[in-house]
Amino acid sequence: MEKVREPHSVRYPALMLFREDLEELVGLFEKGSESVKIIAENYKLQSVSEIDKLGKDRIAFFSINGYQKQPEWASISLTLEKNSARLRLSENAEPSLYGLASLVDKILTTKKRRRANFLRSKATIIIMYIMIIIVAIIDTLSIFKQFTEPLWLSLLSVLITVFFIILLSLQYHIITKRYTLIYTISKRTRTNFISRNKDQIILSLTVGIIVAVVTGVLTAIITSNIIHKTP
């Protein structure tokens, strides 16, 4: 009787990898496997250098598969996609492949996208709920307690609303479009955060300000009507 071994799989949070990271990962696979298969988008590559032929600075799919003839073509695979990142070992993997997986894991754990993972975290969701509650309390007091908001309180409500809209916009952008980023260029040649996301930031600020102003105007109108109707 022999115990059945299950495949070992690890999923990673949002990652950001550059060309040098891909080269390092492929190098590890080549040292720890008897044969290696590299796929970028829908193309099989002989080496990472061929990735230039794709003509893209960023790709949506990259995978490395390593094989050993014994026992029975044991394998290890790393699959990087726009919406996921996974390291997998076959059920018949030997200790040497687990050692390789450990080295790969050390690299990937240092490539986490901190901003993306923060925006997807429970802490951010809690912060957003708190912001909604604060704005609701301010507006409710203004309406039902029949008093005029001080300027600083109005500004606070506007700033919280704008910040909330920006967070919501960035969350949507990351979750639906950019989970794991795979760059074919070197990290040194990449532009800064403001330059890359200028349009998204401007849109978020514009929407946030418009929503905040509309909310403030509606609150003022409702408050004014309630005050004038009160005998």
Protein backbone atom coordinates (compact mmCIF):
# COMPACT_ATOMS: atom_id res chain seq x y z
CA MET A 1 0.00 0.00 0.00
CA GLU A 2 1.31 3.41 -0.96
CA LYS A 3 0.04 6.79 0.15
CA VAL A 4 -1.35 8.93 -2.65
CA ARG A 5 0.43 12.29 -2.88
CA GLU A 6 -1.46 15.38 -3.93
CA PRO A 7 -0.05 18.14 -6.13
CA HIS A 8 1.37 21.06 -4.14
CA SER A 9 0.14 24.51 -5.16
CA VAL A 10 0.75 28.01 -3.82
CA ARG A 11 -1.16 31.12 -4.87
CA TYR A 12 0.35 34.59 -4.49
CA PRO A 13 -1.15 38.04 -3.99
CA ALA A 14 -0.63 40.83 -6.50
CA LEU A 15 2.93 40.75 -7.87
CA MET A 16 5.10 43.06 -9.95
CA LEU A 17 7.89 41.47 -11.98
CA PHE A 18 10.40 42.97 -14.38
CA ARG A 19 12.67 41.52 -17.03
CA GLU A 20 15.51 40.86 -14.59
CA ASP A 21 13.08 38.99 -12.33
CA LEU A 22 11.93 36.80 -15.20
CA GLU A 23 15.54 36.08 -16.13
CA GLU A 24 16.37 35.14 -12.53
CA LEU A 25 13.36 32.81 -12.29
CA VAL A 26 14.16 31.11 -15.59
CA GLY A 27 17.78 30.70 -14.46
CA LEU A 28 16.62 28.89 -11.32
CA PHE A 29 14.39 26.57 -13.34
CA GLU A 30 17.23 25.79 -15.75
CA LYS A 31 19.57 24.89 -12.88
CA GLY A 32 17.02 22.79 -11.01
CA SER A 33 15.31 21.00 -13.90
CA GLU A 34 16.39 18.71 -16.71
CA SER A 35 14.28 20.53 -19.28
CA VAL A 36 12.45 23.87 -19.24
CA LYS A 37 9.58 25.28 -21.29
CA ILE A 38 8.99 29.06 -21.35
CA ILE A 39 5.78 30.58 -22.66
CA ALA A 40 5.01 34.29 -23.02
CA GLU A 41 1.54 35.21 -24.21
CA ASN A 42 0.90 32.47 -26.82
CA TYR A 43 4.53 31.95 -27.83
CA LYS A 44 7.08 29.38 -26.75
CA LEU A 45 10.47 30.97 -26.09
CA GLN A 46 13.94 29.48 -26.20
CA SER A 47 15.17 32.13 -23.77
CA VAL A 48 13.89 35.28 -22.04
CA SER A 49 15.72 37.43 -24.59
CA GLU A 50 13.17 36.39 -27.22
CA ILE A 51 10.51 38.26 -25.28
CA ASP A 52 11.64 41.40 -27.13
CA LYS A 53 10.04 39.99 -30.28
CA LEU A 54 6.61 40.47 -28.73
CA GLY A 55 7.08 44.23 -29.00
CA LYS A 56 5.34 44.94 -25.68
CA ASP A 57 6.48 46.60 -22.45
CA ARG A 58 3.97 44.57 -20.45
CA ILE A 59 2.43 41.16 -21.05
CA ALA A 60 -0.58 39.36 -19.55
CA PHE A 61 0.78 35.80 -19.42
CA PHE A 62 4.14 34.22 -18.62
CA SER A 63 4.84 30.66 -17.52
CA ILE A 64 7.87 28.51 -16.77
CA ASN A 65 7.64 24.73 -16.62
CA GLY A 66 10.47 22.55 -15.37
CA TYR A 67 10.63 18.76 -15.84
CA GLN A 68 12.64 15.83 -14.53
CA LYS A 69 12.64 12.50 -16.38
CA GLN A 70 12.67 10.57 -13.15
CA PRO A 71 10.36 9.82 -11.51
CA GLU A 72 7.83 9.78 -14.36
CA TRP A 73 8.42 13.31 -15.56
CA ALA A 74 7.95 15.11 -12.26
CA SER A 75 7.29 18.80 -12.83
CA ILE A 76 7.24 22.25 -11.34
CA SER A 77 5.43 25.18 -12.93
CA LEU A 78 5.10 28.89 -12.34
CA THR A 79 2.14 30.56 -14.02
CA LEU A 80 1.83 34.35 -14.03
CA GLU A 81 -1.37 35.81 -15.39
CA LYS A 82 -3.08 39.16 -15.21
CA ASN A 83 -5.47 37.94 -12.51
CA SER A 84 -3.39 35.31 -10.70
CA ALA A 85 0.05 33.95 -9.85
CA ARG A 86 0.56 30.29 -8.95
CA LEU A 87 3.47 27.95 -8.24
CA ARG A 88 2.66 24.25 -8.63
CA LEU A 89 4.49 20.97 -8.01
CA SER A 90 3.30 17.65 -9.40
CA GLU A 91 2.32 14.88 -6.99
CA ASN A 92 5.47 12.88 -7.81
CA ALA A 93 7.89 15.77 -7.26
CA GLU A 94 11.17 14.87 -5.57
CA PRO A 95 12.84 16.88 -2.75
CA SER A 96 15.07 18.63 -5.29
CA LEU A 97 12.03 20.21 -6.93
CA TYR A 98 10.71 21.28 -3.54
CA GLY A 99 14.06 22.95 -2.96
CA LEU A 100 13.66 24.77 -6.28
CA ALA A 101 10.14 25.80 -5.27
CA SER A 102 11.52 27.27 -2.06
CA LEU A 103 13.99 29.43 -3.99
CA VAL A 104 11.26 30.61 -6.36
CA ASP A 105 9.00 31.39 -3.42
CA LYS A 106 11.71 33.58 -1.83
CA ILE A 107 11.87 35.67 -4.99
CA LEU A 108 8.11 36.01 -5.42
CA THR A 109 7.49 37.05 -1.82
CA THR A 110 9.73 40.08 -2.38
CA LYS A 111 7.81 41.11 -5.51
CA LYS A 112 4.46 41.83 -3.91
CA ARG A 113 2.69 44.99 -5.01
CA ARG A 114 2.30 46.77 -1.68
CA ARG A 115 -0.15 49.41 -2.86
CA ALA A 116 -2.30 46.85 -4.68
CA ASN A 117 -2.38 44.44 -1.77
CA PHE A 118 -3.18 47.28 0.65
CA LEU A 119 -6.09 48.43 -1.51
CA ARG A 120 -7.42 44.86 -1.57
CA SER A 121 -6.95 44.34 2.18
CA LYS A 122 -9.61 44.22 4.90
CA ALA A 123 -7.99 47.27 6.51
CA THR A 124 -8.77 49.40 3.46
CA ILE A 125 -12.37 48.18 3.34
CA ILE A 126 -12.78 49.07 7.03
CA ILE A 127 -11.28 52.54 6.40
CA MET A 128 -13.74 53.09 3.54
CA TYR A 129 -16.69 52.09 5.73
CA ILE A 130 -15.50 54.48 8.45
CA MET A 131 -15.30 57.31 5.90
CA ILE A 132 -18.86 56.61 4.74
CA ILE A 133 -20.10 56.63 8.35
CA ILE A 134 -18.32 59.91 9.14
CA VAL A 135 -19.78 61.68 6.10
CA ALA A 136 -23.24 60.25 6.85
CA ILE A 137 -23.05 61.49 10.45
CA ILE A 138 -21.96 64.98 9.37
CA ASP A 139 -24.74 65.25 6.78
CA THR A 140 -27.38 63.78 9.12
CA LEU A 141 -26.53 66.19 11.93
CA SER A 142 -26.65 69.06 9.48
CA ILE A 143 -30.11 68.07 8.27
CA PHE A 144 -31.90 66.94 11.41
CA LYS A 145 -30.20 69.05 14.07
CA GLN A 146 -30.96 72.16 12.02
CA PHE A 147 -27.58 73.86 12.22
CA THR A 148 -25.23 75.28 9.62
CA GLU A 149 -22.04 73.28 9.20
CA PRO A 150 -18.85 75.16 10.11
CA LEU A 151 -16.52 75.69 7.19
CA TRP A 152 -13.95 73.22 8.53
CA LEU A 153 -16.62 70.53 8.88
CA SER A 154 -17.80 71.07 5.31
CA LEU A 155 -14.23 70.88 4.04
CA LEU A 156 -13.67 67.67 6.02
CA SER A 157 -16.77 66.12 4.47
CA VAL A 158 -15.59 67.11 0.97
CA LEU A 159 -12.07 65.77 1.53
CA ILE A 160 -13.35 62.46 2.90
CA THR A 161 -15.71 62.06 -0.06
CA VAL A 162 -12.94 62.81 -2.57
CA PHE A 163 -10.56 60.38 -0.84
CA PHE A 164 -13.27 57.70 -0.81
CA ILE A 165 -13.91 58.08 -4.54
CA ILE A 166 -10.16 57.84 -5.26
CA LEU A 167 -9.82 54.66 -3.19
CA LEU A 168 -12.88 53.13 -4.84
CA SER A 169 -11.58 53.99 -8.30
CA LEU A 170 -8.13 52.53 -7.60
CA GLN A 171 -9.68 49.37 -6.15
CA TYR A 172 -11.77 48.87 -9.27
CA HIS A 173 -8.78 49.54 -11.52
CA ILE A 174 -6.56 47.00 -9.73
CA ILE A 175 -9.13 44.25 -9.23
CA THR A 176 -10.54 44.33 -12.76
CA LYS A 177 -7.52 45.28 -14.86
CA ARG A 178 -4.15 45.05 -13.14
CA TYR A 179 -3.66 42.33 -10.57
CA THR A 180 -0.23 40.88 -11.40
CA LEU A 181 2.03 43.04 -13.56
CA ILE A 182 4.60 41.40 -15.83
CA TYR A 183 7.03 43.84 -17.45
CA THR A 184 9.35 42.88 -20.28
CA ILE A 185 11.48 45.93 -19.59
CA SER A 186 14.03 46.56 -16.84
CA LYS A 187 12.91 48.19 -13.62
CA ARG A 188 15.39 51.02 -14.24
CA THR A 189 13.60 52.10 -17.43
CA ARG A 190 10.10 52.18 -15.95
CA THR A 191 8.40 55.56 -15.45
CA ASN A 192 7.23 56.72 -12.02
CA PHE A 193 3.77 56.15 -10.49
CA ILE A 194 2.43 59.65 -11.27
CA SER A 195 3.42 59.47 -14.94
CA ARG A 196 1.95 55.99 -15.41
CA ASN A 197 -1.36 56.77 -13.71
CA LYS A 198 -1.80 60.45 -14.53
CA ASP A 199 -5.08 59.99 -16.42
CA GLN A 200 -6.53 57.71 -13.74
CA ILE A 201 -5.57 60.14 -10.95
CA ILE A 202 -7.07 63.14 -12.77
CA LEU A 203 -10.29 61.22 -13.45
CA SER A 204 -10.55 60.06 -9.83
CA LEU A 205 -9.96 63.60 -8.48
CA THR A 206 -12.48 65.09 -10.90
CA VAL A 207 -15.20 62.56 -10.08
CA GLY A 208 -14.47 62.85 -6.36
CA ILE A 209 -14.72 66.67 -6.38
CA ILE A 210 -17.94 66.62 -8.45
CA VAL A 211 -19.57 64.07 -6.13
CA ALA A 212 -18.46 66.00 -3.04
CA VAL A 213 -19.78 69.32 -4.40
CA VAL A 214 -23.12 67.80 -5.45
CA THR A 215 -23.47 66.13 -2.06
CA GLY A 216 -22.70 69.41 -0.28
CA VAL A 217 -25.19 71.38 -2.39
CA LEU A 218 -27.96 68.83 -1.88
CA THR A 219 -27.30 68.77 1.86
CA ALA A 220 -27.46 72.56 2.01
CA ILE A 221 -30.74 72.64 0.03
CA ILE A 222 -32.37 69.96 2.18
CA THR A 223 -31.20 71.65 5.38
CA SER A 224 -32.48 75.03 4.20
CA ASN A 225 -35.92 73.60 3.31
CA ILE A 226 -36.25 71.88 6.69
CA ILE A 227 -35.29 75.06 8.56
CA HIS A 228 -37.78 77.20 6.60
CA LYS A 229 -40.62 74.71 7.09
CA THR A 230 -40.03 74.53 10.83
CA PRO A 231 -42.51 76.81 12.68
